[in-house]
Protein backbone atom coordinates (compact mmCIF):
# COMPACT_ATOMS: atom_id res chain seq x y z
CA MET A 1 -0.23 -0.03 0.21
CA LYS A 2 2.99 2.79 0.87
CA GLN A 3 4.45 2.15 -2.72
CA ILE A 4 2.50 2.27 -6.22
CA ARG A 5 4.63 -0.47 -7.24
CA ASN A 6 2.91 -2.75 -4.34
CA ARG A 7 -0.51 -1.51 -5.61
CA ILE A 8 -0.30 -3.42 -8.65
CA PHE A 9 -1.63 -6.96 -8.03
CA HIS A 10 -1.29 -10.09 -10.23
CA ILE A 11 -5.10 -9.99 -11.43
CA PRO A 12 -6.51 -14.04 -11.70
CA ILE A 13 -8.34 -15.23 -14.67
CA ARG A 14 -11.65 -15.49 -12.22
CA PHE A 15 -10.94 -11.80 -11.23
CA SER A 16 -10.65 -10.43 -14.42
CA LEU A 17 -13.11 -12.26 -16.55
CA PHE A 18 -16.24 -9.78 -14.40
CA TRP A 19 -14.13 -6.59 -15.14
CA PRO A 20 -16.08 -5.44 -18.37
CA ASN A 21 -19.44 -5.12 -16.04
CA PHE A 22 -17.75 -2.36 -14.47
CA ALA A 23 -16.68 -0.95 -17.50
CA GLY A 24 -18.58 2.21 -16.48
CA SER A 25 -17.41 2.45 -13.15
CA PHE A 26 -13.99 3.13 -14.32
CA MET A 27 -14.73 6.07 -17.09
CA ILE A 28 -15.62 8.66 -14.22
CA GLN A 29 -13.11 8.03 -12.26
CA LEU A 30 -10.78 7.73 -15.92
CA GLN A 31 -12.54 11.10 -16.27
CA ASN A 32 -11.06 12.86 -13.42
CA ILE A 33 -7.46 11.41 -14.40
CA ARG A 34 -7.72 13.09 -18.26
CA GLN A 35 -8.90 16.64 -16.68
CA ASN A 36 -6.90 16.40 -13.32
CA PRO A 37 -4.28 14.80 -13.56
CA GLU A 38 -2.25 17.16 -11.56
CA GLU A 39 -4.51 16.61 -8.92
CA VAL A 40 -4.88 13.51 -8.88
CA ILE A 41 -1.04 13.22 -8.64
CA GLN A 42 -0.86 15.59 -5.87
CA ARG A 43 -3.42 14.02 -3.68
CA LEU A 44 -1.94 10.81 -3.92
CA SER A 45 1.26 12.66 -2.58
CA ILE A 46 -0.66 13.14 0.51
CA ARG A 47 -0.37 8.98 1.15
CA GLY A 48 3.25 9.20 0.65
CA ILE A 49 2.49 7.71 -2.60
CA ASP A 50 4.23 8.85 -5.83
CA ALA A 51 2.05 8.52 -8.67
CA ALA A 52 3.35 9.98 -11.24
CA GLU A 53 4.32 7.54 -14.12
CA THR A 54 1.31 5.49 -13.71
CA VAL A 55 -0.61 8.72 -13.90
CA SER A 56 1.21 9.38 -16.60
CA GLN A 57 1.09 5.97 -18.39
CA ILE A 58 -3.23 5.95 -17.90
CA VAL A 59 -3.01 9.12 -19.77
CA THR A 60 -0.98 8.20 -22.26
CA LYS A 61 -2.49 4.96 -22.80
CA ASP A 62 -6.51 5.95 -22.71
CA LYS A 63 -5.16 8.78 -25.41
CA GLN A 64 -3.68 6.13 -27.83
CA ALA A 65 -6.42 4.04 -27.56
CA ARG A 66 -9.19 7.06 -27.93
CA GLU A 67 -7.06 8.11 -30.87
CA ASN A 68 -7.25 4.49 -32.37
CA ARG A 69 -10.51 4.39 -31.74
CA THR A 70 -11.71 7.60 -33.69
CA ARG A 71 -9.41 6.17 -36.45
CA MET A 72 -11.56 2.48 -36.32
CA GLU A 73 -14.94 5.09 -36.96
CA SER A 74 -13.33 6.92 -39.88
CA LEU A 75 -12.23 3.41 -41.65
CA GLN A 76 -15.23 1.95 -40.82
CA ALA A 77 -17.21 4.73 -42.15
CA ARG A 78 -15.01 4.21 -45.18
CA SER A 79 -15.51 0.71 -45.12
CA ASN A 80 -19.03 1.09 -45.19
CA GLN A 81 -19.09 3.53 -48.02
CA LEU A 82 -16.93 1.47 -50.32
CA ALA A 83 -19.34 -1.99 -49.59
CA ARG A 84 -22.06 0.25 -51.46
CA GLU A 85 -20.11 1.46 -54.20
CA VAL A 86 -18.88 -2.07 -55.22
CA GLY A 87 -22.52 -3.18 -54.51
CA GLU A 88 -23.56 -0.64 -57.20
CA LEU A 89 -20.74 -1.26 -59.19
CA MET A 90 -21.24 -4.87 -59.59
CA LYS A 91 -24.94 -4.35 -60.26
CA SER A 92 -24.09 -2.19 -63.37
CA GLY A 93 -21.60 -5.29 -64.32
CA LYS A 94 -18.55 -2.63 -63.71
CA ARG A 95 -16.49 -5.57 -62.01
CA GLU A 96 -12.70 -3.58 -63.47
CA GLU A 97 -13.74 -0.70 -61.30
CA ALA A 98 -15.13 -2.38 -58.47
CA GLU A 99 -12.00 -4.39 -57.98
CA PRO A 100 -9.81 -2.01 -56.55
CA LEU A 101 -12.71 -1.11 -54.18
CA LYS A 102 -12.52 -4.23 -53.69
CA GLN A 103 -9.18 -4.25 -52.94
CA GLU A 104 -9.21 -1.15 -50.42
CA SER A 105 -11.74 -2.66 -48.39
CA VAL A 106 -9.74 -5.76 -47.68
CA GLN A 107 -6.55 -3.36 -46.65
CA ILE A 108 -9.29 -1.53 -44.88
CA LYS A 109 -10.16 -4.87 -42.72
CA GLU A 110 -7.12 -5.41 -41.82
CA GLU A 111 -6.26 -2.24 -40.78
CA LEU A 112 -9.44 -2.78 -38.17
CA LYS A 113 -8.79 -6.15 -37.19
CA GLY A 114 -5.10 -4.43 -36.02
CA LEU A 115 -6.54 -1.35 -34.10
CA GLN A 116 -9.37 -3.45 -32.65
CA ASP A 117 -6.49 -5.59 -30.70
CA SER A 118 -4.32 -2.58 -30.22
CA VAL A 119 -7.71 -0.39 -28.63
CA GLU A 120 -8.26 -3.33 -26.69
CA SER A 121 -4.94 -4.01 -25.19
CA LEU A 122 -4.23 -0.59 -24.82
CA GLU A 123 -7.59 -0.50 -22.48
CA THR A 124 -7.05 -3.39 -20.12
CA GLU A 125 -4.01 -1.57 -19.46
CA VAL A 126 -5.43 1.20 -18.69
CA ARG A 127 -8.11 -0.68 -17.03
CA GLU A 128 -5.00 -2.33 -14.79
CA LEU A 129 -3.39 0.78 -13.84
CA VAL A 130 -6.72 2.46 -12.77
CA VAL A 131 -7.80 -0.28 -10.43
CA SER A 132 -4.21 -0.24 -9.09
CA LEU A 133 -4.66 3.71 -7.73
CA PRO A 134 -5.51 3.58 -4.19
CA ASN A 135 -8.70 6.52 -3.68
CA THR A 136 -7.57 9.98 -3.55
CA PRO A 137 -7.24 11.51 0.23
CA SER A 138 -9.16 14.49 1.23
CA THR A 139 -7.15 17.56 2.00
CA THR A 140 -8.00 17.39 5.00
CA VAL A 141 -6.16 13.97 5.77
CA PRO A 142 -2.39 15.15 6.69
CA THR A 143 0.44 13.57 4.77
CA GLY A 144 2.32 10.31 6.16
CA LYS A 145 3.77 7.30 5.64
CA SER A 146 3.01 5.22 8.55
CA ALA A 147 0.83 5.07 11.82
CA GLU A 148 3.76 7.19 13.12
CA ASP A 149 2.59 10.15 11.36
CA ASN A 150 -1.24 9.66 12.74
CA VAL A 151 -2.80 12.64 14.53
CA THR A 152 -4.47 12.10 17.62
CA VAL A 153 -7.61 14.11 17.73
CA THR A 154 -8.85 13.34 21.26
CA THR A 155 -8.56 11.07 24.24
CA TRP A 156 -10.90 10.06 26.70
CA GLY A 157 -10.96 8.48 30.56
CA LYS A 158 -7.93 7.37 31.86
CA GLU A 159 -5.95 4.61 32.71
CA PRO A 160 -7.74 1.79 34.98
CA GLU A 161 -5.32 1.39 38.33
CA LEU A 162 -4.96 -2.36 38.50
CA HIS A 163 -4.65 -4.05 41.19
CA GLU A 164 -0.89 -6.04 41.92
CA GLY A 165 -0.16 -9.16 39.92
CA ALA A 166 -2.57 -8.03 37.10
CA LEU A 167 -2.86 -10.60 34.18
CA PRO A 168 -3.01 -9.93 30.59
CA HIS A 169 -6.43 -11.03 29.01
CA TRP A 170 -5.39 -14.91 27.47
CA ASP A 171 -4.65 -15.50 31.31
CA LEU A 172 -7.49 -14.05 32.64
CA ALA A 173 -9.28 -16.11 30.08
CA THR A 174 -7.65 -19.22 31.28
CA LYS A 175 -7.97 -18.49 34.54
CA TYR A 176 -11.83 -18.16 34.62
CA ASP A 177 -12.15 -20.67 31.63
CA ILE A 178 -14.33 -18.10 29.17
CA ILE A 179 -11.79 -18.53 26.35
CA ASP A 180 -9.97 -21.53 25.00
CA PHE A 181 -7.54 -20.75 22.56
CA GLU A 182 -5.68 -24.68 22.27
CA LEU A 183 -9.36 -25.39 21.50
CA GLY A 184 -9.62 -23.39 18.76
CA VAL A 185 -6.19 -24.62 17.56
CA LYS A 186 -7.07 -28.69 17.96
CA ILE A 187 -10.82 -27.61 15.99
CA THR A 188 -9.00 -25.41 13.04
CA GLY A 189 -5.54 -23.71 14.07
CA ALA A 190 -4.40 -20.53 15.82
CA GLY A 191 -6.63 -17.46 15.53
CA PHE A 192 -10.01 -19.28 16.04
CA PRO A 193 -10.80 -19.26 19.97
CA VAL A 194 -13.54 -21.28 21.40
CA TYR A 195 -15.64 -18.75 24.01
CA LYS A 196 -17.57 -20.93 26.34
CA GLY A 197 -19.65 -20.42 29.38
CA LYS A 198 -19.44 -16.57 30.27
CA GLY A 199 -17.27 -15.87 27.94
CA ALA A 200 -19.57 -16.50 25.49
CA LYS A 201 -22.07 -14.86 26.91
CA LEU A 202 -20.28 -11.75 27.28
CA GLN A 203 -19.86 -11.91 23.61
CA ARG A 204 -23.74 -12.35 22.69
CA ALA A 205 -24.30 -9.74 25.18
CA LEU A 206 -22.01 -7.50 23.38
CA ILE A 207 -23.37 -7.92 19.90
CA GLN A 208 -27.08 -7.21 21.31
CA PHE A 209 -26.13 -4.60 23.13
CA PHE A 210 -24.36 -3.04 19.58
CA LEU A 211 -26.94 -4.02 17.49
CA ASN A 212 -29.60 -2.09 19.91
CA GLU A 213 -27.62 0.81 20.45
CA ALA A 214 -27.45 0.94 16.02
CA SER A 215 -30.87 0.63 15.93
CA ASN A 216 -31.89 3.02 18.10
CA ALA A 217 -29.66 5.13 16.17
CA GLY A 218 -31.76 4.58 13.03
CA TYR A 219 -29.90 2.10 11.54
CA LEU A 220 -31.85 -0.81 9.54
CA GLU A 221 -30.51 -4.01 11.02
CA VAL A 222 -29.87 -6.74 8.35
CA GLN A 223 -28.51 -10.28 8.35
CA VAL A 224 -26.34 -10.96 5.51
CA PRO A 225 -24.20 -13.86 3.74
CA HIS A 226 -20.74 -14.50 5.34
CA MET A 227 -19.51 -15.59 1.76
CA VAL A 228 -19.45 -12.93 -1.22
CA ASN A 229 -18.32 -13.50 -4.91
CA ALA A 230 -15.57 -11.48 -6.88
CA ASP A 231 -18.47 -9.04 -7.67
CA SER A 232 -18.99 -7.75 -4.19
CA GLY A 233 -15.38 -8.02 -3.29
CA PHE A 234 -14.86 -5.74 -5.79
CA GLY A 235 -17.49 -3.26 -5.39
CA THR A 236 -16.18 -2.42 -2.03
CA GLY A 237 -12.39 -2.62 -2.67
CA GLN A 238 -11.33 -5.58 -1.16
CA LEU A 239 -10.26 -6.70 -4.62
CA PRO A 240 -7.89 -7.08 -6.38
CA ASP A 241 -6.12 -5.10 -3.30
CA LYS A 242 -6.70 -8.03 -0.21
CA GLU A 243 -7.27 -10.94 -2.15
CA GLY A 244 -4.36 -12.42 0.16
CA GLN A 245 -6.08 -11.76 3.11
CA MET A 246 -9.00 -13.07 2.10
CA TYR A 247 -10.17 -16.65 2.61
CA TYR A 248 -10.94 -18.15 -1.06
CA MET A 249 -13.43 -20.94 -2.00
CA PRO A 250 -12.39 -22.16 -5.36
CA LEU A 251 -14.64 -25.02 -6.15
CA ASP A 252 -17.61 -22.04 -5.98
CA ASP A 253 -16.19 -19.15 -6.59
CA LEU A 254 -16.68 -17.43 -3.63
CA TYR A 255 -15.02 -15.36 -0.81
CA MET A 256 -15.29 -15.52 2.92
CA ILE A 257 -16.55 -11.89 4.04
CA PRO A 258 -13.95 -9.76 5.83
CA THR A 259 -16.43 -7.49 7.38
CA ALA A 260 -20.27 -6.83 6.92
CA GLU A 261 -19.21 -3.80 5.03
CA VAL A 262 -18.95 -5.99 1.88
CA PRO A 263 -22.47 -7.77 1.65
CA VAL A 264 -24.17 -4.87 3.08
CA THR A 265 -22.38 -1.75 1.16
CA ASN A 266 -23.38 -4.56 -1.87
CA PHE A 267 -27.34 -4.03 -1.35
CA PHE A 268 -26.79 -0.68 -3.27
CA ARG A 269 -24.85 -2.16 -6.42
CA ASP A 270 -26.45 -1.11 -9.80
CA VAL A 271 -29.37 0.94 -7.76
CA ILE A 272 -30.37 4.50 -8.33
CA LEU A 273 -32.03 5.91 -4.87
CA GLU A 274 -34.50 9.05 -5.24
CA GLU A 275 -32.46 11.96 -2.83
CA SER A 276 -35.69 11.70 -0.58
CA GLN A 277 -34.37 8.30 0.18
CA LEU A 278 -30.85 9.52 1.83
CA PRO A 279 -29.15 8.91 3.99
CA VAL A 280 -29.50 5.28 4.11
CA LYS A 281 -28.48 3.97 6.88
CA THR A 282 -27.78 -0.12 7.53
CA THR A 283 -26.30 -2.35 10.43
CA GLY A 284 -25.26 -5.98 10.75
CA TYR A 285 -23.09 -8.49 12.99
CA THR A 286 -21.39 -10.59 11.15
CA PRO A 287 -18.36 -12.63 12.00
CA CYS A 288 -15.29 -11.65 10.03
CA PHE A 289 -12.66 -14.02 7.85
CA ARG A 290 -9.21 -12.77 7.76
CA ARG A 291 -6.27 -14.52 6.92
CA GLU A 292 -3.68 -11.61 8.05
CA ALA A 293 -0.83 -13.64 6.41
CA GLY A 294 2.51 -12.70 8.54
CA SER A 295 1.12 -12.07 11.54
CA TYR A 296 3.40 -12.86 14.22
CA GLY A 297 4.61 -12.17 17.53
CA ALA A 298 3.69 -10.82 21.65
CA HIS A 299 1.42 -7.87 19.76
CA VAL A 300 -0.77 -10.75 17.96
CA ARG A 301 -1.60 -13.08 21.19
CA GLY A 302 -4.97 -13.74 22.36
CA LEU A 303 -7.57 -11.81 21.24
CA ASN A 304 -5.28 -8.89 19.74
CA ARG A 305 -5.41 -10.61 16.41
CA LEU A 306 -7.43 -13.70 15.10
CA HIS A 307 -8.50 -14.88 11.55
CA GLN A 308 -12.31 -14.99 13.27
CA PHE A 309 -13.93 -12.86 15.48
CA ASP A 310 -17.29 -10.33 15.70
CA LYS A 311 -18.03 -7.29 14.96
CA VAL A 312 -21.20 -4.82 14.67
CA GLU A 313 -21.18 -2.54 11.39
CA ILE A 314 -22.77 0.67 10.36
CA VAL A 315 -23.06 1.80 6.60
CA GLN A 316 -24.62 5.06 5.40
CA ILE A 317 -25.47 5.72 1.68
CA VAL A 318 -25.19 9.79 1.82
CA HIS A 319 -25.71 12.50 -0.20
CA PRO A 320 -22.09 13.86 -1.49
CA GLU A 321 -22.80 17.44 0.53
CA THR A 322 -23.79 15.58 3.80
CA SER A 323 -20.83 13.31 4.00
CA TYR A 324 -18.26 14.31 5.93
CA GLN A 325 -20.44 15.49 8.58
CA VAL A 326 -21.92 12.33 8.59
CA LEU A 327 -18.28 10.99 9.04
CA GLU A 328 -18.24 12.91 12.02
CA ASP A 329 -21.57 12.15 13.27
CA MET A 330 -20.37 8.51 12.99
CA HIS A 331 -17.17 8.46 15.16
CA ALA A 332 -19.22 10.26 17.61
CA TYR A 333 -21.58 7.67 17.68
CA VAL A 334 -18.78 5.07 18.03
CA GLN A 335 -16.84 6.92 21.03
CA GLY A 336 -20.65 6.93 22.27
CA LEU A 337 -20.41 3.60 23.02
CA LEU A 338 -16.91 3.12 24.22
CA GLN A 339 -17.86 5.36 26.44
CA LYS A 340 -20.67 3.87 27.52
CA LEU A 341 -18.51 0.99 27.74
CA GLY A 342 -16.39 2.80 30.44
CA LEU A 343 -13.27 2.33 28.39
CA HIS A 344 -10.42 5.06 28.20
CA TYR A 345 -9.70 5.63 25.06
CA ARG A 346 -7.93 7.63 21.76
CA LEU A 347 -9.52 8.68 18.77
CA LEU A 348 -6.80 8.90 15.60
CA LEU A 349 -7.14 11.05 12.23
CA LEU A 350 -5.12 8.45 9.95
CA CYS A 351 -2.68 10.02 8.17
CA GLY A 352 -2.49 9.45 3.89
CA GLY A 353 -0.10 6.54 3.62
CA ASP A 354 -1.95 4.34 6.86
CA MET A 355 -5.41 4.27 5.42
CA GLY A 356 -7.34 1.71 3.61
CA MET A 357 -6.81 1.50 -0.43
CA ALA A 358 -10.76 2.89 -0.51
CA SER A 359 -10.93 5.61 1.98
CA ALA A 360 -10.97 9.19 1.30
CA LYS A 361 -10.65 10.03 5.19
CA THR A 362 -10.49 7.87 8.23
CA TYR A 363 -10.53 7.85 12.19
CA ASP A 364 -9.37 4.89 14.25
CA LEU A 365 -10.39 4.40 17.76
CA GLU A 366 -8.31 2.47 20.17
CA VAL A 367 -9.23 1.19 23.45
CA TRP A 368 -6.30 1.12 26.28
CA SER A 369 -5.21 -2.40 27.53
CA GLY A 370 -4.27 -1.90 31.00
CA ALA A 371 -2.59 -5.01 31.34
CA GLN A 372 -0.30 -5.19 28.38
CA GLN A 373 0.11 -1.20 28.32
CA ARG A 374 -0.71 -0.75 25.22
CA TRP A 375 -3.31 1.02 22.69
CA LEU A 376 -5.61 -1.23 20.62
CA GLU A 377 -7.41 -0.32 17.73
CA CYS A 378 -11.14 -1.52 17.89
CA SER A 379 -12.98 0.34 15.00
CA SER A 380 -12.37 2.13 11.82
CA VAL A 381 -14.56 5.10 10.85
CA SER A 382 -14.06 5.83 7.10
CA ASN A 383 -15.76 8.38 4.22
CA PHE A 384 -14.86 6.58 0.83
CA GLU A 385 -17.07 9.20 -1.10
CA THR A 386 -17.84 7.95 -4.53
CA PHE A 387 -14.46 5.34 -4.58
CA GLN A 388 -16.58 2.71 -3.59
CA THR A 389 -20.05 3.66 -5.54
CA HIS A 390 -18.05 4.05 -8.64
CA ARG A 391 -17.22 0.68 -8.64
CA LEU A 392 -21.02 -0.26 -7.61
CA LYS A 393 -22.46 2.36 -10.01
CA CYS A 394 -24.60 3.46 -6.96
CA ARG A 395 -25.95 6.84 -7.48
CA PHE A 396 -29.31 9.02 -6.74
CA ARG A 397 -31.79 10.75 -8.62
CA ASN A 398 -31.29 14.43 -7.83
CA LYS A 399 -34.35 17.12 -7.60
CA GLU A 400 -33.41 18.25 -10.86
CA GLY A 401 -34.10 14.00 -12.14
CA LYS A 402 -30.51 13.56 -13.18
CA THR A 403 -28.67 10.62 -11.50
CA GLU A 404 -25.10 11.33 -9.63
CA LEU A 405 -23.13 9.27 -7.14
CA ALA A 406 -23.64 8.63 -3.56
CA HIS A 407 -21.03 8.78 -0.92
CA SER A 408 -20.57 5.60 1.25
CA LEU A 409 -19.18 5.43 4.42
CA ASN A 410 -18.93 2.57 7.32
CA GLY A 411 -17.28 2.16 10.44
CA SER A 412 -16.87 -0.43 13.23
CA ALA A 413 -19.14 -0.47 15.69
CA LEU A 414 -17.89 -2.49 16.86
CA ALA A 415 -15.06 -4.98 16.63
CA LEU A 416 -15.22 -7.65 19.67
CA PRO A 417 -12.07 -9.12 20.07
CA ARG A 418 -10.19 -5.63 21.13
CA ILE A 419 -13.06 -4.80 23.33
CA VAL A 420 -13.47 -8.10 25.17
CA ALA A 421 -9.25 -8.18 25.98
CA ALA A 422 -10.21 -4.20 27.50
CA ILE A 423 -12.70 -5.32 29.32
CA LEU A 424 -10.98 -8.17 30.73
CA GLU A 425 -7.92 -6.88 31.73
CA ASN A 426 -9.14 -3.31 32.55
CA TYR A 427 -12.02 -4.38 34.80
CA GLN A 428 -10.41 -7.65 36.38
CA THR A 429 -10.47 -7.32 40.23
CA PRO A 430 -8.80 -9.55 42.84
CA GLU A 431 -12.41 -10.81 43.14
CA GLY A 432 -13.05 -11.35 39.24
CA ILE A 433 -13.46 -9.49 36.20
CA VAL A 434 -16.60 -6.94 37.37
CA VAL A 435 -19.17 -6.55 34.27
CA PRO A 436 -19.46 -3.11 32.62
CA GLU A 437 -22.75 -2.38 34.27
CA VAL A 438 -24.48 -1.43 31.03
CA LEU A 439 -23.96 -4.85 30.00
CA ARG A 440 -25.62 -6.67 32.88
CA PRO A 441 -29.37 -6.56 31.67
CA TYR A 442 -27.64 -8.66 28.35
CA CYS A 443 -25.52 -11.15 30.43
CA GLY A 444 -27.11 -11.55 33.94
CA PHE A 445 -24.35 -11.67 35.63
CA ASP A 446 -22.27 -8.97 37.49
CA LEU A 447 -18.82 -11.00 37.60
CA ILE A 448 -16.87 -13.47 35.90
CA ASN A 449 -15.25 -15.47 38.44
């Protein structure tokens, strides 16, 4: 993600086959590159990416493809004219006069075939280059290359004062027999824990709490498939960007979802909404599946990083004029959840180099892990502007009756593993783990001991 050369992935045949379905979505993004190449380069530099060469290639190859198409149209018109003239001469018995025209027609057809092959090759190259580029960041995103360049916007609460001998959550899980990591390894492998007893009930309580809060905030709750096709993965930007991080089932050509964002946002693929329907607010709970290849070490121990975990997602499709206010509202909503849970957290504005490919602006929320003495990311809230809706062809009809692209946003509200880790560590006492008051009606108990 940090270097443009790493953005250009090998595209498997199964993925390239559905590209023609999205030809129209590329054209609007391509039009922006045609008209504003320097602005695109400048905006991508916020990510720490030098896109000048890639943008130059896109502009050059696109220009050549369009020139070749113009030449093809001219030749096709001449070919049609020749066909008519040859037909008239043949009817009149003027075969000798028709012969040079027939030869010219043959030459034109040969040239047309070469131009057609050239145009198809050039347009494929342009599509590959365009899809390799991440979204252009908002001008309010700080320039930077890594997490060290992120900006702390606010911090809430204070570090918990833990008793002597306080344990990290993986030891607490074993002590109270609520999460069995080894059993998960036996059944599946590392990164697939088994929740037991009060651990399972705490999970269920958090999911129910998050869903109820989202419903109260006006989000429509949905249940969605946990597998998606390649079109859906492409529409939200997971493909081809994160193909190596997704579990793929070749027999069915399906992917396990890395987040509910993928199926929920794809509700709106090839949909034209009325302006009066905006904003559309949707929430859903799903397990999430991520390969997380190459993740090793103490920082991923326990619940810190998993291959399967639970999460409640919120998604909005909004009018472009309101999307940045909605982004502020959405991260404020997620902050409210953390405050109700009584968890010390901080809000970060991500720099360009630390954002996901599809995002135009992202806020991360991190909870404090008392026993580990470190911050744990538990939510990302992002505005994708039209990056996803380009691909999805998600539009709305404005008051003048014209269609335009909507903006899409989503956020974790919330991802459970690191919330559970923070609750176990921050609420531990010598007598057991105190359940946050807001969760007690859902859990049916006040203490894990």
